[in-house]
Amino acid sequence: MIWMRISNLLLIVSGVMDPMHRIAQARRDAGLSTKQLAAKLGVDATTVSNWESGRRQLTLDRLIQLAELLGVGVTYLLGLDEQISYTEPVGKAMLPVLHRMPVWTKSHGWALVNAMEKQFVFADGKTLPVESVQEPIFMLPPAFAMSLRGIDSPLDLEEILIRKSVWVEPLTSDPDLAAELRGWYRPHRQRLVENEFGNRFYLDAYGAKWLAFESCLSSKGEQNHI
């Protein structure tokens, strides 16, 4: 089943970066050896090595545990972060790798994906089974996407942190607020971006409250970079 075995999901998406390479890279970035990571997960080092080499597949619950321990997203570990569209509907087959990420539907608004329980979780604590939703699911409401001036796909968090500045688009239905807050921001202290007026967006709210782009369209429709 797609919700239980990540290997099935990998067959759906072609041309992605080798996910096993990303597991090893994320471990090294966290400063952990295979033995240290294995100890934290309660498995032996051989199991970790098998995950990294692709000889053994991860179950969904173990993948989520691994992502949280290494401080990265499930989508990053699977190499799918560059494949997800913020403006096109998200297929239900992709929801397992969006665990704990916000999605939007016209009838229900914003909710977090709970991949383990196969349900959407709303701000008031109510839940809704994924299979009961028969309408398009978006990472970003179409009305928001139409007003964005950022060009091309949103940057991922790693791309934001290596740039001197990024174009920020607030995710809000208030056009006046969006006009006030959008603009060029600089990454600051590895946890937020800030503009010259002191406005801030925090990285842990990325994708829910704001998106970042490499360049933008001017009011005249011209492409701008910094």
Protein backbone atom coordinates (compact mmCIF):
# COMPACT_ATOMS: atom_id res chain seq x y z
CA MET A 1 0.00 0.00 0.00
CA ILE A 2 1.22 3.50 -0.85
CA TRP A 3 0.67 4.67 2.72
CA MET A 4 2.76 1.89 4.18
CA ARG A 5 5.67 1.39 1.83
CA ILE A 6 7.80 4.21 0.45
CA SER A 7 9.19 2.00 -2.33
CA ASN A 8 5.80 2.12 -4.10
CA LEU A 9 5.85 5.91 -4.09
CA LEU A 10 9.31 6.04 -5.63
CA LEU A 11 8.01 4.09 -8.62
CA ILE A 12 5.47 6.82 -9.33
CA VAL A 13 7.95 9.66 -9.71
CA SER A 14 10.63 9.41 -12.38
CA GLY A 15 13.80 11.42 -12.70
CA VAL A 16 14.18 12.38 -9.03
CA MET A 17 17.55 12.76 -7.30
CA ASP A 18 18.71 9.52 -5.72
CA PRO A 19 16.89 9.49 -2.34
CA MET A 20 19.40 7.10 -0.77
CA HIS A 21 22.16 9.61 -1.47
CA ARG A 22 20.13 12.24 0.37
CA ILE A 23 19.78 10.07 3.45
CA ALA A 24 23.55 9.70 3.65
CA GLN A 25 24.08 13.40 2.97
CA ALA A 26 21.59 14.45 5.65
CA ARG A 27 23.32 12.15 8.14
CA ARG A 28 26.71 13.67 7.35
CA ASP A 29 25.27 17.20 7.56
CA ALA A 30 23.98 16.33 11.04
CA GLY A 31 27.50 15.26 12.02
CA LEU A 32 26.51 11.66 12.70
CA SER A 33 28.22 8.40 11.79
CA THR A 34 26.14 5.41 10.73
CA LYS A 35 26.69 3.91 14.19
CA GLN A 36 25.57 7.08 15.96
CA LEU A 37 22.44 7.39 13.81
CA ALA A 38 21.65 3.72 14.31
CA ALA A 39 21.90 4.12 18.08
CA LYS A 40 19.48 7.05 18.06
CA LEU A 41 17.01 5.04 15.96
CA GLY A 42 17.39 1.83 17.95
CA VAL A 43 18.64 -0.22 14.98
CA ASP A 44 22.06 -1.59 14.02
CA ALA A 45 24.52 0.21 11.79
CA THR A 46 24.05 -2.39 9.05
CA THR A 47 20.40 -1.36 8.72
CA VAL A 48 21.35 2.28 8.25
CA SER A 49 23.97 1.32 5.67
CA ASN A 50 21.36 -0.74 3.82
CA TRP A 51 18.98 2.24 3.74
CA GLU A 52 21.70 4.49 2.36
CA SER A 53 22.74 1.99 -0.31
CA GLY A 54 19.17 1.20 -1.35
CA ARG A 55 19.44 -2.47 -0.42
CA ARG A 56 16.62 -2.06 2.07
CA GLN A 57 13.52 0.16 1.89
CA LEU A 58 12.26 2.38 4.70
CA THR A 59 8.74 2.11 6.05
CA LEU A 60 6.82 5.39 6.26
CA ASP A 61 6.96 5.63 10.05
CA ARG A 62 10.72 5.02 10.03
CA LEU A 63 11.23 7.59 7.24
CA ILE A 64 9.34 10.22 9.26
CA GLN A 65 11.39 9.39 12.36
CA LEU A 66 14.59 9.68 10.33
CA ALA A 67 13.59 13.04 8.83
CA GLU A 68 12.72 14.51 12.23
CA LEU A 69 15.95 13.25 13.78
CA LEU A 70 18.10 14.72 10.98
CA GLY A 71 16.18 18.00 10.88
CA VAL A 72 15.09 17.74 7.24
CA GLY A 73 11.79 17.21 5.43
CA VAL A 74 10.52 13.85 4.23
CA THR A 75 10.24 15.37 0.76
CA TYR A 76 13.96 16.22 0.86
CA LEU A 77 14.97 12.69 1.84
CA LEU A 78 12.93 11.28 -1.05
CA GLY A 79 14.30 13.80 -3.54
CA LEU A 80 10.80 15.09 -4.22
CA ASP A 81 11.19 18.64 -2.93
CA GLU A 82 11.84 19.97 -6.43
CA GLN A 83 8.96 17.98 -7.94
CA ILE A 84 6.09 19.36 -5.85
CA SER A 85 4.14 22.17 -7.47
CA TYR A 86 2.76 24.91 -5.24
CA THR A 87 0.25 25.95 -7.90
CA GLU A 88 -1.02 22.62 -9.28
CA PRO A 89 -3.21 20.11 -7.41
CA VAL A 90 -1.35 17.54 -5.32
CA GLY A 91 -2.28 13.93 -5.99
CA LYS A 92 -3.20 11.79 -2.98
CA ALA A 93 -0.29 9.49 -3.82
CA MET A 94 2.03 12.36 -2.85
CA LEU A 95 0.47 13.01 0.56
CA PRO A 96 2.60 10.48 2.47
CA VAL A 97 5.69 12.61 1.86
CA LEU A 98 3.86 15.78 2.92
CA HIS A 99 3.48 14.57 6.51
CA ARG A 100 2.93 17.52 8.88
CA MET A 101 2.92 20.00 5.99
CA PRO A 102 0.00 22.38 5.26
CA VAL A 103 -2.36 21.80 2.34
CA TRP A 104 -5.51 23.60 1.22
CA THR A 105 -8.89 22.65 -0.24
CA LYS A 106 -11.72 24.96 -1.28
CA SER A 107 -14.32 23.37 1.02
CA HIS A 108 -12.17 22.89 4.11
CA GLY A 109 -9.41 25.50 3.95
CA TRP A 110 -5.99 24.84 5.50
CA ALA A 111 -5.06 21.59 7.23
CA LEU A 112 -1.95 19.62 8.12
CA VAL A 113 -1.31 16.22 6.58
CA ASN A 114 -1.10 13.32 9.04
CA ALA A 115 0.34 10.58 6.85
CA MET A 116 0.42 8.01 9.64
CA GLU A 117 -3.31 8.24 10.32
CA LYS A 118 -4.23 9.05 6.69
CA GLN A 119 -6.13 12.18 7.68
CA PHE A 120 -6.11 15.96 7.59
CA VAL A 121 -5.79 17.82 10.90
CA PHE A 122 -7.34 21.29 11.27
CA ALA A 123 -6.41 24.16 13.57
CA ASP A 124 -9.36 23.42 15.89
CA GLY A 125 -8.18 19.83 16.35
CA LYS A 126 -10.81 18.27 14.10
CA THR A 127 -9.72 15.62 11.63
CA LEU A 128 -10.94 14.42 8.24
CA PRO A 129 -10.04 11.14 6.49
CA VAL A 130 -8.04 11.73 3.33
CA GLU A 131 -10.23 9.38 1.32
CA SER A 132 -13.33 11.47 2.10
CA VAL A 133 -11.89 14.50 0.28
CA GLN A 134 -12.94 14.32 -3.37
CA GLU A 135 -11.80 17.78 -4.52
CA PRO A 136 -8.41 19.15 -5.63
CA ILE A 137 -5.77 19.50 -2.91
CA PHE A 138 -3.25 22.33 -3.16
CA MET A 139 -0.06 23.36 -1.44
CA LEU A 140 -1.10 26.94 -2.20
CA PRO A 141 -4.65 28.20 -2.95
CA PRO A 142 -5.09 29.13 -6.65
CA ALA A 143 -6.19 32.65 -5.74
CA PHE A 144 -2.90 33.21 -3.90
CA ALA A 145 -0.84 31.74 -6.70
CA MET A 146 -2.39 34.05 -9.29
CA SER A 147 -1.27 37.14 -7.38
CA LEU A 148 2.32 36.03 -6.84
CA ARG A 149 5.04 38.10 -8.48
CA GLY A 150 7.77 35.56 -7.77
CA ILE A 151 9.11 33.84 -10.89
CA ASP A 152 9.47 30.08 -11.44
CA SER A 153 9.23 27.55 -8.61
CA PRO A 154 9.64 28.57 -4.96
CA LEU A 155 13.07 27.99 -3.47
CA ASP A 156 13.62 25.26 -0.92
CA LEU A 157 15.06 26.08 2.50
CA GLU A 158 18.60 25.12 1.58
CA GLU A 159 18.51 27.43 -1.43
CA ILE A 160 17.24 30.30 0.70
CA LEU A 161 20.04 30.00 3.24
CA ILE A 162 22.84 30.13 0.67
CA ARG A 163 21.56 33.33 -0.98
CA LYS A 164 22.28 36.88 0.09
CA SER A 165 18.67 37.86 -0.59
CA VAL A 166 15.40 36.31 -1.79
CA TRP A 167 12.10 37.68 -3.04
CA VAL A 168 9.41 36.91 -0.42
CA GLU A 169 5.71 36.45 -1.17
CA PRO A 170 3.42 36.38 1.91
CA LEU A 171 0.68 33.74 1.80
CA THR A 172 -2.35 35.79 2.73
CA SER A 173 -5.76 36.53 1.23
CA ASP A 174 -5.36 40.21 2.19
CA PRO A 175 -3.96 41.97 -0.92
CA ASP A 176 -2.99 45.08 1.04
CA LEU A 177 -0.99 43.06 3.57
CA ALA A 178 0.68 41.10 0.77
CA ALA A 179 1.64 44.34 -1.01
CA GLU A 180 3.08 45.73 2.23
CA LEU A 181 5.18 42.69 3.15
CA ARG A 182 6.37 41.31 -0.19
CA GLY A 183 9.84 42.26 -1.29
CA TRP A 184 13.53 41.43 -0.94
CA TYR A 185 14.61 39.81 2.33
CA ARG A 186 17.97 38.61 3.64
CA PRO A 187 18.46 35.28 5.48
CA HIS A 188 19.35 35.92 9.11
CA ARG A 189 20.76 33.62 11.82
CA GLN A 190 19.78 30.45 9.95
CA ARG A 191 16.21 30.74 11.22
CA LEU A 192 14.49 33.68 9.55
CA VAL A 193 14.54 36.22 6.72
CA GLU A 194 14.33 39.96 7.38
CA ASN A 195 13.90 43.05 5.21
CA GLU A 196 15.26 46.57 5.64
CA PHE A 197 12.15 47.62 7.58
CA GLY A 198 12.52 44.89 10.19
CA ASN A 199 9.72 42.65 8.88
CA ARG A 200 10.50 38.98 9.48
CA PHE A 201 9.39 35.57 8.30
CA TYR A 202 10.57 32.47 10.15
CA LEU A 203 11.84 29.37 8.37
CA ASP A 204 9.61 27.04 10.36
CA ALA A 205 6.57 28.78 8.81
CA TYR A 206 7.86 28.39 5.25
CA GLY A 207 5.22 27.09 2.86
CA ALA A 208 2.44 27.99 5.30
CA LYS A 209 2.91 31.76 5.68
CA TRP A 210 5.41 32.68 2.98
CA LEU A 211 7.33 31.55 -0.08
CA ALA A 212 10.68 32.71 -1.45
CA PHE A 213 11.85 33.13 -5.05
CA GLU A 214 15.12 33.90 -6.79
CA SER A 215 13.60 36.71 -8.86
CA CYS A 216 10.34 38.60 -9.32
CA LEU A 217 8.24 40.52 -11.79
CA SER A 218 8.21 44.29 -11.51
CA SER A 219 4.95 46.24 -11.68
CA LYS A 220 5.71 46.66 -15.40
CA GLY A 221 6.06 42.91 -15.90
CA GLU A 222 9.85 43.00 -16.15
CA GLN A 223 12.03 40.39 -14.45
CA ASN A 224 14.11 41.64 -11.52
CA HIS A 225 17.07 40.02 -9.74
CA ILE A 226 19.34 41.03 -6.89
